[in-house]
Amino acid sequence: MLKLLDDNLPQLSEDFKGLPPDKRVDLLIKLARHVVPAALNPERLTVEQLAQLLDYIKENNPTADYDRLRAEGLIDEDDEKV
């Protein structure tokens, strides 16, 4: 696929320039889906992955409101600030 793109880049560039602006935007959005990583969907994470994510957030966010997180049941009472 990369060879096909590379071999035809000048033609693809000309074709892109010839598109109306709305079609160019549509094409760029469609292409971005193949380049930009998908957003994290927490519903697809395992309990272990969620725990790892929580640990990461706690370790890398010193301004977290731990009292609010405990009150909402998002972390255990024994979880401490890092």
Protein backbone atom coordinates (compact mmCIF):
# COMPACT_ATOMS: atom_id res chain seq x y z
CA MET A 1 0.00 0.00 0.00
CA LEU A 2 2.81 2.40 0.89
CA LYS A 3 4.54 1.69 -2.42
CA LEU A 4 1.31 2.43 -4.28
CA LEU A 5 0.97 5.75 -2.46
CA ASP A 6 4.63 6.60 -2.91
CA ASP A 7 4.61 5.76 -6.62
CA ASN A 8 1.52 7.92 -7.20
CA LEU A 9 2.10 10.80 -4.79
CA PRO A 10 2.35 13.53 -7.47
CA GLN A 11 -0.94 12.43 -9.05
CA LEU A 12 -2.63 12.09 -5.65
CA SER A 13 -1.47 15.57 -4.74
CA GLU A 14 -2.89 17.03 -7.93
CA ASP A 15 -6.15 15.14 -7.46
CA PHE A 16 -6.41 16.43 -3.89
CA LYS A 17 -5.84 20.02 -5.01
CA GLY A 18 -8.59 19.59 -7.60
CA LEU A 19 -11.21 18.64 -5.04
CA PRO A 20 -13.68 21.22 -3.78
CA PRO A 21 -12.93 22.38 -0.21
CA ASP A 22 -15.74 20.36 1.40
CA LYS A 23 -14.52 17.16 -0.28
CA ARG A 24 -10.94 17.89 0.83
CA VAL A 25 -12.11 18.21 4.43
CA ASP A 26 -14.07 14.94 4.16
CA LEU A 27 -11.00 13.17 2.78
CA LEU A 28 -8.71 14.55 5.48
CA ILE A 29 -11.12 13.40 8.21
CA LYS A 30 -11.31 9.93 6.69
CA LEU A 31 -7.53 9.72 6.38
CA ALA A 32 -7.04 10.93 9.96
CA ARG A 33 -8.90 7.85 11.21
CA HIS A 34 -6.00 5.77 9.93
CA VAL A 35 -3.33 7.96 11.54
CA VAL A 36 -4.77 9.17 14.85
CA PRO A 37 -5.12 6.49 17.53
CA ALA A 38 -8.64 5.67 18.66
CA ALA A 39 -9.87 7.25 21.87
CA LEU A 40 -9.63 5.17 25.03
CA ASN A 41 -12.93 3.45 25.79
CA PRO A 42 -12.97 2.61 29.53
CA GLU A 43 -15.87 0.20 29.03
CA ARG A 44 -13.54 -2.12 27.11
CA LEU A 45 -10.83 -2.19 29.80
CA THR A 46 -10.41 -5.06 32.22
CA VAL A 47 -10.55 -4.48 35.97
CA GLU A 48 -6.76 -4.87 36.06
CA GLN A 49 -6.30 -2.28 33.31
CA LEU A 50 -8.63 0.14 35.12
CA ALA A 51 -6.61 -0.35 38.32
CA GLN A 52 -3.39 0.36 36.40
CA LEU A 53 -4.96 3.50 34.93
CA LEU A 54 -6.05 4.70 38.38
CA ASP A 55 -2.56 4.08 39.76
CA TYR A 56 -1.06 6.02 36.87
CA ILE A 57 -3.41 8.95 37.41
CA LYS A 58 -2.72 9.03 41.14
CA GLU A 59 1.05 8.94 40.57
CA ASN A 60 1.01 11.62 37.87
CA ASN A 61 -1.63 14.01 39.19
CA PRO A 62 -0.51 15.54 42.49
CA THR A 63 -3.45 17.95 42.47
CA ALA A 64 -6.14 15.27 42.43
CA ASP A 65 -9.02 15.87 44.84
CA TYR A 66 -8.70 12.62 46.79
CA ASP A 67 -11.40 13.56 49.31
CA ARG A 68 -13.93 13.95 46.49
CA LEU A 69 -12.77 10.74 44.81
CA ARG A 70 -13.20 8.83 48.09
CA ALA A 71 -16.63 10.41 48.69
CA GLU A 72 -17.76 9.32 45.24
CA GLY A 73 -16.46 5.79 45.85
CA LEU A 74 -13.94 6.03 43.05
CA ILE A 75 -11.02 5.16 45.33
CA ASP A 76 -10.79 3.27 48.62
CA GLU A 77 -10.47 5.00 51.97
CA ASP A 78 -6.94 3.64 52.36
CA ASP A 79 -5.70 5.11 49.05
CA GLU A 80 -3.14 7.79 49.83
CA LYS A 81 -1.86 10.76 47.98
CA VAL A 82 1.37 10.08 46.17
